[in-house]
């Protein structure tokens, strides 16, 4: 989502920014595309290589508190 929003702004700069901003917008466009590729493909492969599983990313289960009421409130 963030990449798409950034891409929209960079494309606006590219088309409406004028001749002076054109090269800068192209450099930003290349950076956004490479950064998005890196986030999706390179980082996910690195996580898999480190042996991180889906269970490692889940939040830990909370222990039941003996002082808690059935609705979860504590008095």
C-alpha atoms as a PDB file:
ATOM      1  CA  UNK A   1       0.000   0.000   0.000  1.00  0.00           C
ATOM      2  CA  UNK A   2       2.763   2.426   0.899  1.00  0.00           C
ATOM      3  CA  UNK A   3       4.636   1.624  -2.288  1.00  0.00           C
ATOM      4  CA  UNK A   4       1.555   2.291  -4.376  1.00  0.00           C
ATOM      5  CA  UNK A   5       0.970   5.674  -2.718  1.00  0.00           C
ATOM      6  CA  UNK A   6       4.606   6.640  -3.185  1.00  0.00           C
ATOM      7  CA  UNK A   7       4.488   5.418  -6.773  1.00  0.00           C
ATOM      8  CA  UNK A   8       1.452   7.606  -7.438  1.00  0.00           C
ATOM      9  CA  UNK A   9       3.302  10.697  -6.198  1.00  0.00           C
ATOM     10  CA  UNK A  10       6.459   9.841  -8.148  1.00  0.00           C
ATOM     11  CA  UNK A  11       4.463   9.316 -11.335  1.00  0.00           C
ATOM     12  CA  UNK A  12       2.776  12.680 -10.772  1.00  0.00           C
ATOM     13  CA  UNK A  13       6.205  14.270 -10.478  1.00  0.00           C
ATOM     14  CA  UNK A  14       7.330  12.480 -13.607  1.00  0.00           C
ATOM     15  CA  UNK A  15       4.388  13.607 -15.748  1.00  0.00           C
ATOM     16  CA  UNK A  16       3.586  17.010 -14.273  1.00  0.00           C
ATOM     17  CA  UNK A  17       6.894  18.068 -12.706  1.00  0.00           C
ATOM     18  CA  UNK A  18       8.509  19.550 -15.740  1.00  0.00           C
ATOM     19  CA  UNK A  19      11.871  19.114 -17.375  1.00  0.00           C
ATOM     20  CA  UNK A  20      13.978  19.938 -14.317  1.00  0.00           C
ATOM     21  CA  UNK A  21      12.328  17.348 -12.024  1.00  0.00           C
ATOM     22  CA  UNK A  22      12.135  14.615 -14.680  1.00  0.00           C
ATOM     23  CA  UNK A  23      15.499  12.948 -13.979  1.00  0.00           C
ATOM     24  CA  UNK A  24      14.905  13.101 -10.229  1.00  0.00           C
ATOM     25  CA  UNK A  25      11.479  11.487 -10.638  1.00  0.00           C
ATOM     26  CA  UNK A  26      12.973   8.686 -12.747  1.00  0.00           C
ATOM     27  CA  UNK A  27      15.576   8.025 -10.035  1.00  0.00           C
ATOM     28  CA  UNK A  28      12.832   7.929  -7.402  1.00  0.00           C
ATOM     29  CA  UNK A  29      10.749   5.607  -9.575  1.00  0.00           C
ATOM     30  CA  UNK A  30      13.635   3.159  -9.927  1.00  0.00           C
ATOM     31  CA  UNK A  31      14.252   3.327  -6.171  1.00  0.00           C
ATOM     32  CA  UNK A  32      10.627   2.625  -5.304  1.00  0.00           C
ATOM     33  CA  UNK A  33      10.453  -0.315  -7.705  1.00  0.00           C
ATOM     34  CA  UNK A  34      13.699  -1.865  -6.440  1.00  0.00           C
ATOM     35  CA  UNK A  35      12.693  -1.269  -2.815  1.00  0.00           C
ATOM     36  CA  UNK A  36       9.336  -2.940  -3.348  1.00  0.00           C
ATOM     37  CA  UNK A  37      10.968  -5.909  -5.080  1.00  0.00           C
ATOM     38  CA  UNK A  38      13.451  -6.196  -2.244  1.00  0.00           C
ATOM     39  CA  UNK A  39      10.738  -6.090   0.413  1.00  0.00           C
ATOM     40  CA  UNK A  40       8.646  -8.761  -1.257  1.00  0.00           C
ATOM     41  CA  UNK A  41      11.157 -11.236  -2.660  1.00  0.00           C
ATOM     42  CA  UNK A  42      14.536 -10.747  -1.006  1.00  0.00           C
ATOM     43  CA  UNK A  43      13.310 -10.218   2.568  1.00  0.00           C
ATOM     44  CA  UNK A  44      10.881 -13.140   2.439  1.00  0.00           C
ATOM     45  CA  UNK A  45      13.609 -15.455   1.152  1.00  0.00           C
ATOM     46  CA  UNK A  46      15.939 -14.249   3.913  1.00  0.00           C
ATOM     47  CA  UNK A  47      13.290 -14.937   6.566  1.00  0.00           C
ATOM     48  CA  UNK A  48      12.769 -18.451   5.195  1.00  0.00           C
ATOM     49  CA  UNK A  49      16.536 -19.047   5.156  1.00  0.00           C
ATOM     50  CA  UNK A  50      16.712 -18.053   8.843  1.00  0.00           C
ATOM     51  CA  UNK A  51      14.074 -20.671   9.628  1.00  0.00           C
ATOM     52  CA  UNK A  52      11.383 -18.314  10.899  1.00  0.00           C
ATOM     53  CA  UNK A  53       7.962 -19.935  10.714  1.00  0.00           C
ATOM     54  CA  UNK A  54       4.460 -18.533  10.871  1.00  0.00           C
ATOM     55  CA  UNK A  55       4.158 -19.776  14.454  1.00  0.00           C
ATOM     56  CA  UNK A  56       7.178 -17.645  15.440  1.00  0.00           C
ATOM     57  CA  UNK A  57       5.382 -14.516  14.250  1.00  0.00           C
ATOM     58  CA  UNK A  58       2.150 -15.146  16.164  1.00  0.00           C
ATOM     59  CA  UNK A  59       1.636 -13.266  19.453  1.00  0.00           C
ATOM     60  CA  UNK A  60       2.048 -15.420  22.560  1.00  0.00           C
ATOM     61  CA  UNK A  61      -1.072 -16.748  24.235  1.00  0.00           C
ATOM     62  CA  UNK A  62      -2.020 -14.989  27.445  1.00  0.00           C
ATOM     63  CA  UNK A  63      -2.210 -17.108  30.564  1.00  0.00           C
ATOM     64  CA  UNK A  64      -5.561 -17.269  32.287  1.00  0.00           C
ATOM     65  CA  UNK A  65      -5.590 -15.083  35.368  1.00  0.00           C
ATOM     66  CA  UNK A  66      -7.267 -16.631  38.404  1.00  0.00           C
ATOM     67  CA  UNK A  67      -8.516 -13.210  39.535  1.00  0.00           C
ATOM     68  CA  UNK A  68     -10.271 -12.472  36.242  1.00  0.00           C
ATOM     69  CA  UNK A  69     -14.030 -12.710  35.937  1.00  0.00           C
ATOM     70  CA  UNK A  70     -15.545 -14.657  33.011  1.00  0.00           C
ATOM     71  CA  UNK A  71     -16.055 -11.390  31.107  1.00  0.00           C
ATOM     72  CA  UNK A  72     -12.346 -10.579  31.437  1.00  0.00           C
ATOM     73  CA  UNK A  73     -12.677  -7.815  34.016  1.00  0.00           C
ATOM     74  CA  UNK A  74     -10.605  -7.774  37.164  1.00  0.00           C
ATOM     75  CA  UNK A  75     -11.857  -6.475  40.467  1.00  0.00           C
END
